[in-house]
PDB file of N, CA and C in Angstrom:
ATOM      1  N   MET A   1      23.547 -56.258 -43.710  1.00  0.00           N
ATOM      2  CA  MET A   1      24.773 -55.496 -43.792  1.00  0.00           C
ATOM      3  C   MET A   1      25.315 -55.489 -45.213  1.00  0.00           C
ATOM      4  N   ALA A   2      25.244 -56.622 -45.867  1.00  0.00           N
ATOM      5  CA  ALA A   2      25.750 -56.725 -47.237  1.00  0.00           C
ATOM      6  C   ALA A   2      24.926 -55.862 -48.186  1.00  0.00           C
ATOM      7  N   HIS A   3      23.638 -55.742 -47.896  1.00  0.00           N
ATOM      8  CA  HIS A   3      22.786 -54.913 -48.738  1.00  0.00           C
ATOM      9  C   HIS A   3      23.176 -53.442 -48.627  1.00  0.00           C
ATOM     10  N   ASN A   4      23.545 -53.012 -47.422  1.00  0.00           N
ATOM     11  CA  ASN A   4      23.955 -51.620 -47.228  1.00  0.00           C
ATOM     12  C   ASN A   4      25.241 -51.304 -47.983  1.00  0.00           C
ATOM     13  N   ILE A   5      26.201 -52.224 -47.934  1.00  0.00           N
ATOM     14  CA  ILE A   5      27.468 -52.006 -48.636  1.00  0.00           C
ATOM     15  C   ILE A   5      27.229 -51.977 -50.141  1.00  0.00           C
ATOM     16  N   PHE A   6      26.393 -52.886 -50.621  1.00  0.00           N
ATOM     17  CA  PHE A   6      26.062 -52.914 -52.043  1.00  0.00           C
ATOM     18  C   PHE A   6      25.392 -51.612 -52.470  1.00  0.00           C
ATOM     19  N   LEU A   7      24.488 -51.112 -51.644  1.00  0.00           N
ATOM     20  CA  LEU A   7      23.796 -49.867 -51.946  1.00  0.00           C
ATOM     21  C   LEU A   7      24.765 -48.694 -51.981  1.00  0.00           C
ATOM     22  N   ILE A   8      25.706 -48.641 -51.059  1.00  0.00           N
ATOM     23  CA  ILE A   8      26.703 -47.571 -51.018  1.00  0.00           C
ATOM     24  C   ILE A   8      27.588 -47.614 -52.254  1.00  0.00           C
ATOM     25  N   VAL A   9      27.992 -48.823 -52.672  1.00  0.00           N
ATOM     26  CA  VAL A   9      28.830 -48.971 -53.870  1.00  0.00           C
ATOM     27  C   VAL A   9      28.073 -48.496 -55.106  1.00  0.00           C
ATOM     28  N   ILE A  10      26.811 -48.850 -55.218  1.00  0.00           N
ATOM     29  CA  ILE A  10      25.999 -48.432 -56.358  1.00  0.00           C
ATOM     30  C   ILE A  10      25.852 -46.911 -56.380  1.00  0.00           C
ATOM     31  N   ILE A  11      25.588 -46.291 -55.231  1.00  0.00           N
ATOM     32  CA  ILE A  11      25.444 -44.831 -55.159  1.00  0.00           C
ATOM     33  C   ILE A  11      26.743 -44.137 -55.548  1.00  0.00           C
ATOM     34  N   CYS A  12      27.876 -44.637 -55.054  1.00  0.00           N
ATOM     35  CA  CYS A  12      29.171 -44.054 -55.423  1.00  0.00           C
ATOM     36  C   CYS A  12      29.424 -44.183 -56.923  1.00  0.00           C
ATOM     37  N   PHE A  13      29.093 -45.330 -57.486  1.00  0.00           N
ATOM     38  CA  PHE A  13      29.267 -45.529 -58.921  1.00  0.00           C
ATOM     39  C   PHE A  13      28.404 -44.557 -59.720  1.00  0.00           C
ATOM     40  N   LEU A  14      27.157 -44.380 -59.306  1.00  0.00           N
ATOM     41  CA  LEU A  14      26.268 -43.467 -60.019  1.00  0.00           C
ATOM     42  C   LEU A  14      26.739 -42.023 -59.904  1.00  0.00           C
ATOM     43  N   CYS A  15      27.265 -41.641 -58.743  1.00  0.00           N
ATOM     44  CA  CYS A  15      27.788 -40.282 -58.574  1.00  0.00           C
ATOM     45  C   CYS A  15      28.985 -40.051 -59.484  1.00  0.00           C
ATOM     46  N   ASN A  16      29.894 -41.029 -59.546  1.00  0.00           N
ATOM     47  CA  ASN A  16      31.053 -40.903 -60.426  1.00  0.00           C
ATOM     48  C   ASN A  16      30.632 -40.872 -61.886  1.00  0.00           C
ATOM     49  N   LEU A  17      29.638 -41.642 -62.235  1.00  0.00           N
ATOM     50  CA  LEU A  17      29.130 -41.654 -63.594  1.00  0.00           C
ATOM     51  C   LEU A  17      28.517 -40.307 -63.950  1.00  0.00           C
ATOM     52  N   ALA A  18      27.792 -39.708 -63.012  1.00  0.00           N
ATOM     53  CA  ALA A  18      27.181 -38.404 -63.265  1.00  0.00           C
ATOM     54  C   ALA A  18      28.244 -37.334 -63.461  1.00  0.00           C
ATOM     55  N   VAL A  19      29.321 -37.386 -62.712  1.00  0.00           N
ATOM     56  CA  VAL A  19      30.402 -36.417 -62.866  1.00  0.00           C
ATOM     57  C   VAL A  19      31.093 -36.613 -64.211  1.00  0.00           C
ATOM     58  N   ALA A  20      31.297 -37.860 -64.599  1.00  0.00           N
ATOM     59  CA  ALA A  20      31.960 -38.141 -65.870  1.00  0.00           C
ATOM     60  C   ALA A  20      31.110 -37.686 -67.052  1.00  0.00           C
ATOM     61  N   VAL A  21      29.813 -37.815 -66.954  1.00  0.00           N
ATOM     62  CA  VAL A  21      28.926 -37.427 -68.040  1.00  0.00           C
ATOM     63  C   VAL A  21      28.874 -35.911 -68.177  1.00  0.00           C
ATOM     64  N   THR A  22      28.885 -35.184 -67.055  1.00  0.00           N
ATOM     65  CA  THR A  22      28.761 -33.723 -67.115  1.00  0.00           C
ATOM     66  C   THR A  22      30.052 -33.041 -67.537  1.00  0.00           C
ATOM     67  N   GLU A  23      31.203 -33.705 -67.411  1.00  0.00           N
ATOM     68  CA  GLU A  23      32.457 -33.096 -67.835  1.00  0.00           C
ATOM     69  C   GLU A  23      32.520 -33.094 -69.358  1.00  0.00           C
ATOM     70  N   SER A  24      32.815 -31.945 -69.917  1.00  0.00           N
ATOM     71  CA  SER A  24      32.933 -31.832 -71.360  1.00  0.00           C
ATOM     72  C   SER A  24      34.032 -30.838 -71.690  1.00  0.00           C
ATOM     73  N   SER A  25      34.229 -30.602 -72.951  1.00  0.00           N
ATOM     74  CA  SER A  25      35.289 -29.688 -73.368  1.00  0.00           C
ATOM     75  C   SER A  25      34.873 -28.227 -73.240  1.00  0.00           C
ATOM     76  N   GLU A  26      33.611 -27.969 -73.011  1.00  0.00           N
ATOM     77  CA  GLU A  26      33.144 -26.600 -72.864  1.00  0.00           C
ATOM     78  C   GLU A  26      33.550 -26.050 -71.503  1.00  0.00           C
ATOM     79  N   SER A  27      33.894 -24.774 -71.474  1.00  0.00           N
ATOM     80  CA  SER A  27      34.257 -24.159 -70.202  1.00  0.00           C
ATOM     81  C   SER A  27      33.006 -23.671 -69.481  1.00  0.00           C
ATOM     82  N   CYS A  28      33.068 -23.664 -68.197  1.00  0.00           N
ATOM     83  CA  CYS A  28      31.938 -23.210 -67.382  1.00  0.00           C
ATOM     84  C   CYS A  28      31.932 -21.681 -67.333  1.00  0.00           C
ATOM     85  N   TYR A  29      30.767 -21.128 -67.054  1.00  0.00           N
ATOM     86  CA  TYR A  29      30.642 -19.688 -66.905  1.00  0.00           C
ATOM     87  C   TYR A  29      31.315 -19.268 -65.615  1.00  0.00           C
ATOM     88  N   ARG A  30      32.164 -18.280 -65.665  1.00  0.00           N
ATOM     89  CA  ARG A  30      32.909 -17.843 -64.480  1.00  0.00           C
ATOM     90  C   ARG A  30      32.229 -16.633 -63.863  1.00  0.00           C
ATOM     91  N   ILE A  31      32.051 -16.705 -62.559  1.00  0.00           N
ATOM     92  CA  ILE A  31      31.494 -15.587 -61.805  1.00  0.00           C
ATOM     93  C   ILE A  31      32.631 -14.977 -60.991  1.00  0.00           C
ATOM     94  N   GLU A  32      32.761 -13.693 -61.088  1.00  0.00           N
ATOM     95  CA  GLU A  32      33.840 -12.996 -60.384  1.00  0.00           C
ATOM     96  C   GLU A  32      33.609 -13.035 -58.874  1.00  0.00           C
ATOM     97  N   PRO A  33      34.676 -13.080 -58.085  1.00  0.00           N
ATOM     98  CA  PRO A  33      34.535 -13.092 -56.628  1.00  0.00           C
ATOM     99  C   PRO A  33      33.814 -11.870 -56.082  1.00  0.00           C
ATOM    100  N   GLY A  34      33.994 -10.724 -56.713  1.00  0.00           N
ATOM    101  CA  GLY A  34      33.298  -9.517 -56.268  1.00  0.00           C
ATOM    102  C   GLY A  34      31.796  -9.636 -56.428  1.00  0.00           C
ATOM    103  N   THR A  35      31.371 -10.300 -57.504  1.00  0.00           N
ATOM    104  CA  THR A  35      29.944 -10.513 -57.723  1.00  0.00           C
ATOM    105  C   THR A  35      29.365 -11.429 -56.652  1.00  0.00           C
ATOM    106  N   ILE A  36      30.085 -12.477 -56.343  1.00  0.00           N
ATOM    107  CA  ILE A  36      29.619 -13.413 -55.304  1.00  0.00           C
ATOM    108  C   ILE A  36      29.559 -12.706 -53.949  1.00  0.00           C
ATOM    109  N   ALA A  37      30.579 -11.910 -53.641  1.00  0.00           N
ATOM    110  CA  ALA A  37      30.587 -11.169 -52.375  1.00  0.00           C
ATOM    111  C   ALA A  37      29.427 -10.182 -52.322  1.00  0.00           C
ATOM    112  N   GLY A  38      29.121  -9.533 -53.434  1.00  0.00           N
ATOM    113  CA  GLY A  38      27.991  -8.606 -53.475  1.00  0.00           C
ATOM    114  C   GLY A  38      26.666  -9.309 -53.264  1.00  0.00           C
ATOM    115  N   ILE A  39      26.507 -10.478 -53.869  1.00  0.00           N
ATOM    116  CA  ILE A  39      25.270 -11.253 -53.679  1.00  0.00           C
ATOM    117  C   ILE A  39      25.119 -11.678 -52.232  1.00  0.00           C
ATOM    118  N   ILE A  40      26.205 -12.125 -51.622  1.00  0.00           N
ATOM    119  CA  ILE A  40      26.138 -12.567 -50.220  1.00  0.00           C
ATOM    120  C   ILE A  40      25.825 -11.386 -49.305  1.00  0.00           C
ATOM    121  N   CYS A  41      26.468 -10.246 -49.539  1.00  0.00           N
ATOM    122  CA  CYS A  41      26.201  -9.059 -48.707  1.00  0.00           C
ATOM    123  C   CYS A  41      24.761  -8.591 -48.858  1.00  0.00           C
ATOM    124  N   ALA A  42      24.253  -8.586 -50.088  1.00  0.00           N
ATOM    125  CA  ALA A  42      22.863  -8.186 -50.308  1.00  0.00           C
ATOM    126  C   ALA A  42      21.909  -9.160 -49.630  1.00  0.00           C
ATOM    127  N   ASP A  43      22.229 -10.438 -49.662  1.00  0.00           N
ATOM    128  CA  ASP A  43      21.387 -11.438 -49.012  1.00  0.00           C
ATOM    129  C   ASP A  43      21.363 -11.235 -47.498  1.00  0.00           C
ATOM    130  N   VAL A  44      22.517 -10.991 -46.910  1.00  0.00           N
ATOM    131  CA  VAL A  44      22.586 -10.755 -45.461  1.00  0.00           C
ATOM    132  C   VAL A  44      21.811  -9.490 -45.093  1.00  0.00           C
ATOM    133  N   LEU A  45      21.971  -8.442 -45.878  1.00  0.00           N
ATOM    134  CA  LEU A  45      21.261  -7.188 -45.619  1.00  0.00           C
ATOM    135  C   LEU A  45      19.753  -7.375 -45.729  1.00  0.00           C
ATOM    136  N   LEU A  46      19.306  -8.066 -46.765  1.00  0.00           N
ATOM    137  CA  LEU A  46      17.875  -8.312 -46.934  1.00  0.00           C
ATOM    138  C   LEU A  46      17.322  -9.166 -45.794  1.00  0.00           C
ATOM    139  N   THR A  47      18.085 -10.158 -45.366  1.00  0.00           N
ATOM    140  CA  THR A  47      17.657 -10.990 -44.236  1.00  0.00           C
ATOM    141  C   THR A  47      17.524 -10.163 -42.967  1.00  0.00           C
ATOM    142  N   LEU A  48      18.480  -9.293 -42.704  1.00  0.00           N
ATOM    143  CA  LEU A  48      18.406  -8.431 -41.515  1.00  0.00           C
ATOM    144  C   LEU A  48      17.204  -7.494 -41.587  1.00  0.00           C
ATOM    145  N   ILE A  49      16.931  -6.947 -42.755  1.00  0.00           N
ATOM    146  CA  ILE A  49      15.768  -6.072 -42.906  1.00  0.00           C
ATOM    147  C   ILE A  49      14.481  -6.836 -42.619  1.00  0.00           C
ATOM    148  N   ILE A  50      14.367  -8.052 -43.139  1.00  0.00           N
ATOM    149  CA  ILE A  50      13.167  -8.861 -42.907  1.00  0.00           C
ATOM    150  C   ILE A  50      13.011  -9.178 -41.427  1.00  0.00           C
ATOM    151  N   VAL A  51      14.104  -9.520 -40.758  1.00  0.00           N
ATOM    152  CA  VAL A  51      14.043  -9.847 -39.327  1.00  0.00           C
ATOM    153  C   VAL A  51      13.635  -8.618 -38.522  1.00  0.00           C
ATOM    154  N   ILE A  52      14.205  -7.465 -38.826  1.00  0.00           N
ATOM    155  CA  ILE A  52      13.891  -6.243 -38.070  1.00  0.00           C
ATOM    156  C   ILE A  52      12.435  -5.837 -38.277  1.00  0.00           C
ATOM    157  N   VAL A  53      11.959  -5.879 -39.514  1.00  0.00           N
ATOM    158  CA  VAL A  53      10.566  -5.505 -39.785  1.00  0.00           C
ATOM    159  C   VAL A  53       9.605  -6.477 -39.103  1.00  0.00           C
ATOM    160  N   THR A  54       9.914  -7.768 -39.161  1.00  0.00           N
ATOM    161  CA  THR A  54       9.055  -8.764 -38.504  1.00  0.00           C
ATOM    162  C   THR A  54       9.026  -8.556 -36.998  1.00  0.00           C
ATOM    163  N   TYR A  55      10.186  -8.311 -36.396  1.00  0.00           N
ATOM    164  CA  TYR A  55      10.253  -8.078 -34.959  1.00  0.00           C
ATOM    165  C   TYR A  55       9.469  -6.830 -34.573  1.00  0.00           C
ATOM    166  N   ARG A  56       9.618  -5.781 -35.362  1.00  0.00           N
ATOM    167  CA  ARG A  56       8.924  -4.520 -35.069  1.00  0.00           C
ATOM    168  C   ARG A  56       7.406  -4.686 -35.157  1.00  0.00           C
ATOM    169  N   CYS A  57       6.944  -5.365 -36.209  1.00  0.00           N
ATOM    170  CA  CYS A  57       5.499  -5.577 -36.363  1.00  0.00           C
ATOM    171  C   CYS A  57       4.945  -6.449 -35.240  1.00  0.00           C
ATOM    172  N   ALA A  58       5.699  -7.483 -34.862  1.00  0.00           N
ATOM    173  CA  ALA A  58       5.238  -8.365 -33.790  1.00  0.00           C
ATOM    174  C   ALA A  58       5.202  -7.627 -32.454  1.00  0.00           C
ATOM    175  N   SER A  59       6.195  -6.783 -32.192  1.00  0.00           N
ATOM    176  CA  SER A  59       6.201  -6.070 -30.913  1.00  0.00           C
ATOM    177  C   SER A  59       5.084  -5.026 -30.864  1.00  0.00           C
ATOM    178  N   LEU A  60       4.800  -4.369 -31.984  1.00  0.00           N
ATOM    179  CA  LEU A  60       3.692  -3.409 -32.005  1.00  0.00           C
ATOM    180  C   LEU A  60       2.358  -4.120 -31.786  1.00  0.00           C
ATOM    181  N   ARG A  61       2.207  -5.284 -32.397  1.00  0.00           N
ATOM    182  CA  ARG A  61       0.958  -6.029 -32.216  1.00  0.00           C
ATOM    183  C   ARG A  61       0.828  -6.497 -30.768  1.00  0.00           C
ATOM    184  N   ARG A  62       1.919  -6.962 -30.205  1.00  0.00           N
ATOM    185  CA  ARG A  62       1.896  -7.424 -28.807  1.00  0.00           C
ATOM    186  C   ARG A  62       1.566  -6.260 -27.871  1.00  0.00           C
ATOM    187  N   GLN A  63       2.117  -5.100 -28.140  1.00  0.00           N
ATOM    188  CA  GLN A  63       1.849  -3.929 -27.324  1.00  0.00           C
ATOM    189  C   GLN A  63       0.378  -3.526 -27.424  1.00  0.00           C
ATOM    190  N   ARG A  64      -0.178  -3.609 -28.630  1.00  0.00           N
ATOM    191  CA  ARG A  64      -1.580  -3.266 -28.817  1.00  0.00           C
ATOM    192  C   ARG A  64      -2.489  -4.242 -28.066  1.00  0.00           C
ATOM    193  N   ILE A  65      -2.137  -5.522 -28.062  1.00  0.00           N
ATOM    194  CA  ILE A  65      -2.927  -6.515 -27.323  1.00  0.00           C
ATOM    195  C   ILE A  65      -2.815  -6.280 -25.819  1.00  0.00           C
ATOM    196  N   ASP A  66      -1.615  -5.964 -25.342  1.00  0.00           N
ATOM    197  CA  ASP A  66      -1.444  -5.683 -23.912  1.00  0.00           C
ATOM    198  C   ASP A  66      -2.217  -4.437 -23.496  1.00  0.00           C
ATOM    199  N   ASN A  67      -2.230  -3.435 -24.336  1.00  0.00           N
ATOM    200  CA  ASN A  67      -2.994  -2.229 -24.025  1.00  0.00           C
ATOM    201  C   ASN A  67      -4.494  -2.488 -24.063  1.00  0.00           C
ATOM    202  N   ALA A  68      -4.928  -3.427 -24.884  1.00  0.00           N
ATOM    203  CA  ALA A  68      -6.351  -3.743 -24.983  1.00  0.00           C
ATOM    204  C   ALA A  68      -6.853  -4.411 -23.704  1.00  0.00           C
ATOM    205  N   ASP A  69      -5.977  -5.084 -22.979  1.00  0.00           N
ATOM    206  CA  ASP A  69      -6.392  -5.724 -21.732  1.00  0.00           C
ATOM    207  C   ASP A  69      -6.706  -4.701 -20.647  1.00  0.00           C
ATOM    208  N   LYS A  70      -6.257  -3.490 -20.793  1.00  0.00           N
ATOM    209  CA  LYS A  70      -6.510  -2.453 -19.805  1.00  0.00           C
ATOM    210  C   LYS A  70      -7.881  -1.806 -19.981  1.00  0.00           C
ATOM    211  N   VAL A  71      -8.530  -2.074 -21.087  1.00  0.00           N
ATOM    212  CA  VAL A  71      -9.837  -1.490 -21.385  1.00  0.00           C
ATOM    213  C   VAL A  71     -10.915  -2.400 -20.796  1.00  0.00           C
ATOM    214  N   TYR A  72     -12.124  -1.864 -20.654  1.00  0.00           N
ATOM    215  CA  TYR A  72     -13.222  -2.667 -20.133  1.00  0.00           C
ATOM    216  C   TYR A  72     -13.458  -3.893 -20.999  1.00  0.00           C
ATOM    217  N   MET A  73     -14.013  -4.917 -20.425  1.00  0.00           N
ATOM    218  CA  MET A  73     -14.167  -6.208 -21.077  1.00  0.00           C
ATOM    219  C   MET A  73     -14.994  -6.127 -22.366  1.00  0.00           C
ATOM    220  N   ASN A  74     -16.042  -5.337 -22.411  1.00  0.00           N
ATOM    221  CA  ASN A  74     -16.889  -5.300 -23.595  1.00  0.00           C
ATOM    222  C   ASN A  74     -16.247  -4.541 -24.760  1.00  0.00           C
ATOM    223  N   VAL A  75     -15.236  -3.755 -24.519  1.00  0.00           N
ATOM    224  CA  VAL A  75     -14.573  -2.993 -25.568  1.00  0.00           C
ATOM    225  C   VAL A  75     -13.305  -3.706 -26.028  1.00  0.00           C
ATOM    226  N   ARG A  76     -12.767  -4.553 -25.210  1.00  0.00           N
ATOM    227  CA  ARG A  76     -11.485  -5.198 -25.480  1.00  0.00           C
ATOM    228  C   ARG A  76     -11.497  -6.022 -26.757  1.00  0.00           C
ATOM    229  N   ALA A  77     -12.581  -6.689 -27.050  1.00  0.00           N
ATOM    230  CA  ALA A  77     -12.652  -7.529 -28.239  1.00  0.00           C
ATOM    231  C   ALA A  77     -12.474  -6.718 -29.513  1.00  0.00           C
ATOM    232  N   ASN A  78     -12.943  -5.504 -29.523  1.00  0.00           N
ATOM    233  CA  ASN A  78     -12.818  -4.648 -30.714  1.00  0.00           C
ATOM    234  C   ASN A  78     -11.372  -4.168 -30.890  1.00  0.00           C
ATOM    235  N   CYS A  79     -10.617  -4.042 -29.830  1.00  0.00           N
ATOM    236  CA  CYS A  79      -9.263  -3.518 -29.922  1.00  0.00           C
ATOM    237  C   CYS A  79      -8.246  -4.578 -30.342  1.00  0.00           C
ATOM    238  N   LYS A  80      -8.545  -5.858 -30.156  1.00  0.00           N
ATOM    239  CA  LYS A  80      -7.570  -6.907 -30.438  1.00  0.00           C
ATOM    240  C   LYS A  80      -7.463  -7.238 -31.903  1.00  0.00           C
ATOM    241  N   THR A  81      -8.336  -6.799 -32.738  1.00  0.00           N
ATOM    242  CA  THR A  81      -8.264  -7.164 -34.161  1.00  0.00           C
ATOM    243  C   THR A  81      -7.311  -6.280 -34.914  1.00  0.00           C
TER     244      THR A  81
END
């Protein structure tokens, strides 16, 4: 138990030290809220496009496999690829 508390204290100290080292007199680059909103909207749109295309391709492939089962056994293997 004492080892866990010691480890937590050391981690907290290192985190505070890292914050103190990174703080300087230079100002950070500011990103406008509109830019962030645009990036998030574009990300959501791109994700939806990827999901829709993946779903469509998977359903077409599944349909092709289901249709191949209706063909005679010796021809079915050629249709599944």
